Amino acid sequence: MSARSLRFYEDEGLIVPGRCGNGYRDYCRSTIDRVVVIRSLLGSGLPVRLIREALPRLVEQDDAGTGTPRADYLDLVEGYRDRLAARIAELNARQAALDAYLREARRNSSMTAG
């Protein structure tokens, strides 16, 4: 993990590291764990805005002390996924329309050239 990435997470309000007496940042275990979650979510394609919004409600602690994703967080991620799927479908439709145009234009071009 680069210092630059950690500063970015801090600037975006995703983490709040402690400070040593000399002003250096101090990353406790919970902050490190949070960074691992942030990296995973970014790797999954979620934007920082959505991660920032979701982090406070990411997990619920059960009796065993293990965290599980909360339903409202999963709904948030699912909504993002659905919007992404709609954009992909729209882009695929545009690509298909361009492919059809190019096929027709090339067919017409070869007819007039010959």
N, C-alpha and C. Protein backbone atom coordinates (compact mmCIF):
# COMPACT_ATOMS: atom_id res chain seq x y z
N MET A 1 0.86 -1.17 0.00
CA MET A 1 0.00 0.00 0.00
C MET A 1 0.90 1.22 0.00
N SER A 2 0.67 2.08 -0.95
CA SER A 2 1.50 3.28 -1.05
C SER A 2 1.02 4.36 -0.09
N ALA A 3 1.95 5.21 0.31
CA ALA A 3 1.60 6.35 1.17
C ALA A 3 0.64 7.28 0.44
N ARG A 4 0.83 7.38 -0.86
CA ARG A 4 -0.06 8.23 -1.68
C ARG A 4 -1.51 7.74 -1.61
N SER A 5 -1.70 6.42 -1.71
CA SER A 5 -3.06 5.86 -1.62
C SER A 5 -3.66 6.11 -0.25
N LEU A 6 -2.86 5.93 0.78
CA LEU A 6 -3.36 6.17 2.14
C LEU A 6 -3.76 7.63 2.33
N ARG A 7 -2.96 8.54 1.81
CA ARG A 7 -3.30 9.97 1.91
C ARG A 7 -4.58 10.26 1.12
N PHE A 8 -4.73 9.63 -0.05
CA PHE A 8 -5.95 9.80 -0.84
C PHE A 8 -7.17 9.34 -0.04
N TYR A 9 -7.08 8.15 0.57
CA TYR A 9 -8.20 7.64 1.38
C TYR A 9 -8.51 8.61 2.52
N GLU A 10 -7.46 9.16 3.12
CA GLU A 10 -7.66 10.12 4.20
C GLU A 10 -8.32 11.39 3.67
N ASP A 11 -7.83 11.92 2.55
CA ASP A 11 -8.40 13.13 1.96
C ASP A 11 -9.87 12.94 1.58
N GLU A 12 -10.23 11.73 1.17
CA GLU A 12 -11.61 11.43 0.78
C GLU A 12 -12.50 11.10 1.98
N GLY A 13 -11.94 11.11 3.18
CA GLY A 13 -12.72 10.84 4.38
C GLY A 13 -13.02 9.37 4.60
N LEU A 14 -12.26 8.50 3.96
CA LEU A 14 -12.49 7.06 4.10
C LEU A 14 -11.80 6.49 5.33
N ILE A 15 -10.68 7.10 5.73
CA ILE A 15 -9.97 6.67 6.93
C ILE A 15 -9.56 7.91 7.72
N VAL A 16 -9.36 7.70 9.01
CA VAL A 16 -8.86 8.76 9.89
C VAL A 16 -7.76 8.15 10.75
N PRO A 17 -6.51 8.26 10.27
CA PRO A 17 -5.43 7.67 11.05
C PRO A 17 -5.13 8.52 12.28
N GLY A 18 -4.53 7.86 13.27
CA GLY A 18 -4.07 8.59 14.44
C GLY A 18 -2.79 9.33 14.11
N ARG A 19 -2.31 10.12 15.04
CA ARG A 19 -1.06 10.86 14.84
C ARG A 19 -0.12 10.58 16.00
N CYS A 20 1.13 10.38 15.66
CA CYS A 20 2.17 10.23 16.66
C CYS A 20 2.58 11.62 17.15
N GLY A 21 3.37 11.65 18.20
CA GLY A 21 3.83 12.92 18.75
C GLY A 21 4.59 13.75 17.74
N ASN A 22 5.27 13.11 16.81
CA ASN A 22 6.05 13.83 15.80
C ASN A 22 5.22 14.21 14.57
N GLY A 23 3.92 13.91 14.60
CA GLY A 23 3.04 14.27 13.50
C GLY A 23 2.87 13.18 12.45
N TYR A 24 3.65 12.11 12.55
CA TYR A 24 3.50 11.01 11.59
C TYR A 24 2.17 10.32 11.79
N ARG A 25 1.64 9.79 10.71
CA ARG A 25 0.37 9.06 10.79
C ARG A 25 0.61 7.71 11.48
N ASP A 26 -0.39 7.30 12.25
CA ASP A 26 -0.33 6.02 12.95
C ASP A 26 -1.56 5.22 12.55
N TYR A 27 -1.36 4.09 11.89
CA TYR A 27 -2.46 3.27 11.41
C TYR A 27 -2.68 2.09 12.35
N CYS A 28 -3.76 2.16 13.10
CA CYS A 28 -4.09 1.07 14.02
C CYS A 28 -4.68 -0.09 13.23
N ARG A 29 -4.88 -1.20 13.88
CA ARG A 29 -5.38 -2.42 13.23
C ARG A 29 -6.72 -2.18 12.55
N SER A 30 -7.63 -1.45 13.20
CA SER A 30 -8.95 -1.24 12.60
C SER A 30 -8.85 -0.38 11.34
N THR A 31 -7.92 0.57 11.31
CA THR A 31 -7.72 1.38 10.10
C THR A 31 -7.14 0.52 8.98
N ILE A 32 -6.21 -0.33 9.32
CA ILE A 32 -5.63 -1.24 8.32
C ILE A 32 -6.71 -2.16 7.76
N ASP A 33 -7.55 -2.69 8.64
CA ASP A 33 -8.65 -3.55 8.20
C ASP A 33 -9.59 -2.78 7.27
N ARG A 34 -9.83 -1.53 7.61
CA ARG A 34 -10.72 -0.69 6.79
C ARG A 34 -10.09 -0.44 5.41
N VAL A 35 -8.78 -0.24 5.37
CA VAL A 35 -8.08 -0.05 4.10
C VAL A 35 -8.23 -1.30 3.22
N VAL A 36 -8.14 -2.46 3.83
CA VAL A 36 -8.31 -3.71 3.07
C VAL A 36 -9.71 -3.76 2.46
N VAL A 37 -10.72 -3.38 3.21
CA VAL A 37 -12.10 -3.34 2.70
C VAL A 37 -12.22 -2.32 1.57
N ILE A 38 -11.64 -1.14 1.77
CA ILE A 38 -11.71 -0.08 0.75
C ILE A 38 -11.08 -0.56 -0.54
N ARG A 39 -9.91 -1.16 -0.45
CA ARG A 39 -9.22 -1.66 -1.64
C ARG A 39 -10.06 -2.71 -2.36
N SER A 40 -10.68 -3.58 -1.58
CA SER A 40 -11.54 -4.61 -2.16
C SER A 40 -12.72 -3.99 -2.89
N LEU A 41 -13.35 -3.00 -2.27
CA LEU A 41 -14.51 -2.34 -2.89
C LEU A 41 -14.10 -1.57 -4.14
N LEU A 42 -12.96 -0.88 -4.08
CA LEU A 42 -12.47 -0.18 -5.27
C LEU A 42 -12.15 -1.18 -6.38
N GLY A 43 -11.57 -2.32 -6.00
CA GLY A 43 -11.27 -3.36 -6.97
C GLY A 43 -12.52 -3.96 -7.60
N SER A 44 -13.62 -3.88 -6.88
CA SER A 44 -14.90 -4.37 -7.40
C SER A 44 -15.57 -3.36 -8.32
N GLY A 45 -14.98 -2.19 -8.42
CA GLY A 45 -15.51 -1.18 -9.32
C GLY A 45 -16.41 -0.14 -8.68
N LEU A 46 -16.57 -0.18 -7.37
CA LEU A 46 -17.40 0.83 -6.73
C LEU A 46 -16.67 2.16 -6.69
N PRO A 47 -17.37 3.25 -6.97
CA PRO A 47 -16.73 4.57 -6.91
C PRO A 47 -16.51 5.00 -5.46
N VAL A 48 -15.54 5.89 -5.27
CA VAL A 48 -15.21 6.38 -3.93
C VAL A 48 -16.44 6.98 -3.26
N ARG A 49 -17.26 7.70 -4.02
CA ARG A 49 -18.47 8.33 -3.46
C ARG A 49 -19.36 7.29 -2.79
N LEU A 50 -19.55 6.18 -3.46
CA LEU A 50 -20.41 5.13 -2.93
C LEU A 50 -19.75 4.43 -1.74
N ILE A 51 -18.46 4.25 -1.80
CA ILE A 51 -17.74 3.62 -0.69
C ILE A 51 -17.83 4.52 0.55
N ARG A 52 -17.62 5.82 0.37
CA ARG A 52 -17.71 6.76 1.48
C ARG A 52 -19.08 6.70 2.13
N GLU A 53 -20.10 6.65 1.30
CA GLU A 53 -21.47 6.60 1.80
C GLU A 53 -21.77 5.28 2.51
N ALA A 54 -21.18 4.21 2.03
CA ALA A 54 -21.51 2.89 2.52
C ALA A 54 -20.70 2.45 3.73
N LEU A 55 -19.48 2.93 3.88
CA LEU A 55 -18.61 2.43 4.95
C LEU A 55 -19.23 2.48 6.34
N PRO A 56 -19.92 3.54 6.71
CA PRO A 56 -20.49 3.56 8.07
C PRO A 56 -21.53 2.47 8.30
N ARG A 57 -22.13 1.97 7.25
CA ARG A 57 -23.17 0.95 7.43
C ARG A 57 -22.81 -0.37 6.76
N LEU A 58 -21.52 -0.60 6.64
CA LEU A 58 -21.05 -1.77 5.92
C LEU A 58 -21.35 -3.08 6.63
N VAL A 59 -21.05 -3.15 7.91
CA VAL A 59 -21.19 -4.44 8.59
C VAL A 59 -21.98 -4.32 9.89
N GLU A 60 -22.58 -5.46 10.22
CA GLU A 60 -23.22 -5.63 11.52
C GLU A 60 -22.42 -6.69 12.26
N GLN A 61 -22.19 -6.48 13.52
CA GLN A 61 -21.47 -7.47 14.32
C GLN A 61 -22.48 -8.46 14.89
N ASP A 62 -22.19 -9.75 14.72
CA ASP A 62 -23.06 -10.75 15.32
C ASP A 62 -22.51 -11.14 16.68
N ASP A 63 -23.16 -12.09 17.35
CA ASP A 63 -22.75 -12.49 18.69
C ASP A 63 -21.34 -13.05 18.72
N ALA A 64 -20.90 -13.63 17.63
CA ALA A 64 -19.56 -14.22 17.59
C ALA A 64 -18.50 -13.15 17.31
N GLY A 65 -18.92 -11.91 17.04
CA GLY A 65 -17.97 -10.84 16.78
C GLY A 65 -17.52 -10.75 15.34
N THR A 66 -18.15 -11.52 14.47
CA THR A 66 -17.78 -11.44 13.05
C THR A 66 -18.73 -10.50 12.34
N GLY A 67 -18.22 -9.78 11.37
CA GLY A 67 -19.03 -8.81 10.66
C GLY A 67 -19.64 -9.40 9.41
N THR A 68 -20.88 -9.03 9.14
CA THR A 68 -21.55 -9.44 7.91
C THR A 68 -22.12 -8.19 7.26
N PRO A 69 -22.15 -8.15 5.93
CA PRO A 69 -22.69 -6.97 5.26
C PRO A 69 -24.15 -6.72 5.64
N ARG A 70 -24.48 -5.47 5.91
CA ARG A 70 -25.85 -5.11 6.24
C ARG A 70 -26.70 -5.08 4.98
N ALA A 71 -27.98 -5.33 5.15
CA ALA A 71 -28.91 -5.39 4.01
C ALA A 71 -28.96 -4.07 3.25
N ASP A 72 -28.96 -2.94 3.97
CA ASP A 72 -29.03 -1.65 3.27
C ASP A 72 -27.77 -1.39 2.45
N TYR A 73 -26.64 -1.89 2.92
CA TYR A 73 -25.41 -1.77 2.14
C TYR A 73 -25.48 -2.63 0.89
N LEU A 74 -25.96 -3.85 1.05
CA LEU A 74 -26.09 -4.74 -0.11
C LEU A 74 -27.07 -4.16 -1.13
N ASP A 75 -28.14 -3.51 -0.65
CA ASP A 75 -29.08 -2.85 -1.55
C ASP A 75 -28.40 -1.72 -2.32
N LEU A 76 -27.53 -0.98 -1.63
CA LEU A 76 -26.80 0.11 -2.26
C LEU A 76 -25.89 -0.41 -3.37
N VAL A 77 -25.16 -1.47 -3.08
CA VAL A 77 -24.26 -2.08 -4.07
C VAL A 77 -25.07 -2.67 -5.23
N GLU A 78 -26.18 -3.31 -4.91
CA GLU A 78 -27.02 -3.89 -5.96
C GLU A 78 -27.57 -2.80 -6.88
N GLY A 79 -27.98 -1.69 -6.31
CA GLY A 79 -28.47 -0.57 -7.12
C GLY A 79 -27.39 -0.05 -8.05
N TYR A 80 -26.18 0.07 -7.55
CA TYR A 80 -25.06 0.51 -8.39
C TYR A 80 -24.82 -0.49 -9.51
N ARG A 81 -24.83 -1.78 -9.17
CA ARG A 81 -24.64 -2.83 -10.17
C ARG A 81 -25.72 -2.77 -11.24
N ASP A 82 -26.97 -2.54 -10.83
CA ASP A 82 -28.07 -2.46 -11.79
C ASP A 82 -27.92 -1.25 -12.73
N ARG A 83 -27.50 -0.11 -12.17
CA ARG A 83 -27.27 1.07 -13.01
C ARG A 83 -26.11 0.81 -13.98
N LEU A 84 -25.10 0.14 -13.52
CA LEU A 84 -23.96 -0.20 -14.38
C LEU A 84 -24.41 -1.15 -15.49
N ALA A 85 -25.23 -2.14 -15.16
CA ALA A 85 -25.73 -3.08 -16.16
C ALA A 85 -26.57 -2.35 -17.22
N ALA A 86 -27.36 -1.37 -16.80
CA ALA A 86 -28.16 -0.60 -17.76
C ALA A 86 -27.27 0.21 -18.68
N ARG A 87 -26.21 0.80 -18.13
CA ARG A 87 -25.27 1.56 -18.97
C ARG A 87 -24.57 0.64 -19.96
N ILE A 88 -24.19 -0.55 -19.50
CA ILE A 88 -23.54 -1.52 -20.39
C ILE A 88 -24.48 -1.91 -21.52
N ALA A 89 -25.74 -2.17 -21.20
CA ALA A 89 -26.73 -2.52 -22.23
C ALA A 89 -26.88 -1.39 -23.24
N GLU A 90 -26.91 -0.15 -22.75
CA GLU A 90 -27.03 0.99 -23.65
C GLU A 90 -25.80 1.09 -24.56
N LEU A 91 -24.64 0.91 -24.00
CA LEU A 91 -23.41 0.96 -24.80
C LEU A 91 -23.36 -0.18 -25.81
N ASN A 92 -23.81 -1.36 -25.42
CA ASN A 92 -23.86 -2.49 -26.36
C ASN A 92 -24.82 -2.19 -27.52
N ALA A 93 -25.94 -1.56 -27.22
CA ALA A 93 -26.89 -1.19 -28.27
C ALA A 93 -26.27 -0.16 -29.22
N ARG A 94 -25.57 0.80 -28.67
CA ARG A 94 -24.90 1.80 -29.51
C ARG A 94 -23.83 1.14 -30.39
N GLN A 95 -23.09 0.22 -29.80
CA GLN A 95 -22.06 -0.48 -30.56
C GLN A 95 -22.69 -1.29 -31.69
N ALA A 96 -23.79 -1.97 -31.41
CA ALA A 96 -24.47 -2.76 -32.44
C ALA A 96 -24.97 -1.85 -33.56
N ALA A 97 -25.49 -0.68 -33.21
CA ALA A 97 -25.96 0.26 -34.23
C ALA A 97 -24.79 0.75 -35.09
N LEU A 98 -23.66 1.04 -34.49
CA LEU A 98 -22.48 1.46 -35.25
C LEU A 98 -21.96 0.33 -36.14
N ASP A 99 -21.97 -0.89 -35.61
CA ASP A 99 -21.55 -2.05 -36.42
C ASP A 99 -22.44 -2.20 -37.64
N ALA A 100 -23.76 -2.06 -37.45
CA ALA A 100 -24.70 -2.17 -38.57
C ALA A 100 -24.45 -1.05 -39.58
N TYR A 101 -24.22 0.16 -39.11
CA TYR A 101 -23.93 1.28 -40.00
C TYR A 101 -22.67 1.00 -40.81
N LEU A 102 -21.61 0.55 -40.14
CA LEU A 102 -20.35 0.28 -40.84
C LEU A 102 -20.50 -0.84 -41.87
N ARG A 103 -21.24 -1.89 -41.53
CA ARG A 103 -21.47 -2.97 -42.49
C ARG A 103 -22.17 -2.45 -43.74
N GLU A 104 -23.21 -1.66 -43.51
CA GLU A 104 -23.99 -1.11 -44.62
C GLU A 104 -23.14 -0.15 -45.45
N ALA A 105 -22.38 0.71 -44.78
CA ALA A 105 -21.55 1.68 -45.49
C ALA A 105 -20.47 0.96 -46.30
N ARG A 106 -19.89 -0.07 -45.77
CA ARG A 106 -18.85 -0.82 -46.50
C ARG A 106 -19.45 -1.59 -47.68
N ARG A 107 -20.64 -2.13 -47.46
CA ARG A 107 -21.32 -2.85 -48.54
C ARG A 107 -21.64 -1.89 -49.68
N ASN A 108 -22.19 -0.73 -49.34
CA ASN A 108 -22.50 0.27 -50.36
C ASN A 108 -21.24 0.78 -51.04
N SER A 109 -20.17 0.96 -50.28
CA SER A 109 -18.91 1.44 -50.83
C SER A 109 -18.32 0.44 -51.82
N SER A 110 -18.41 -0.85 -51.49
CA SER A 110 -17.86 -1.87 -52.39
C SER A 110 -18.71 -2.01 -53.65
N MET A 111 -20.02 -1.73 -53.56
CA MET A 111 -20.90 -1.80 -54.74
C MET A 111 -20.61 -0.67 -55.72
N THR A 112 -20.34 0.51 -55.18
CA THR A 112 -20.09 1.66 -56.05
C THR A 112 -18.66 1.65 -56.61
N ALA A 113 -17.76 0.98 -55.95
CA ALA A 113 -16.38 0.91 -56.40
C ALA A 113 -16.22 -0.12 -57.51
N GLY A 114 -17.09 -1.08 -57.57
CA GLY A 114 -16.91 -2.17 -58.51
C GLY A 114 -17.67 -2.04 -59.72
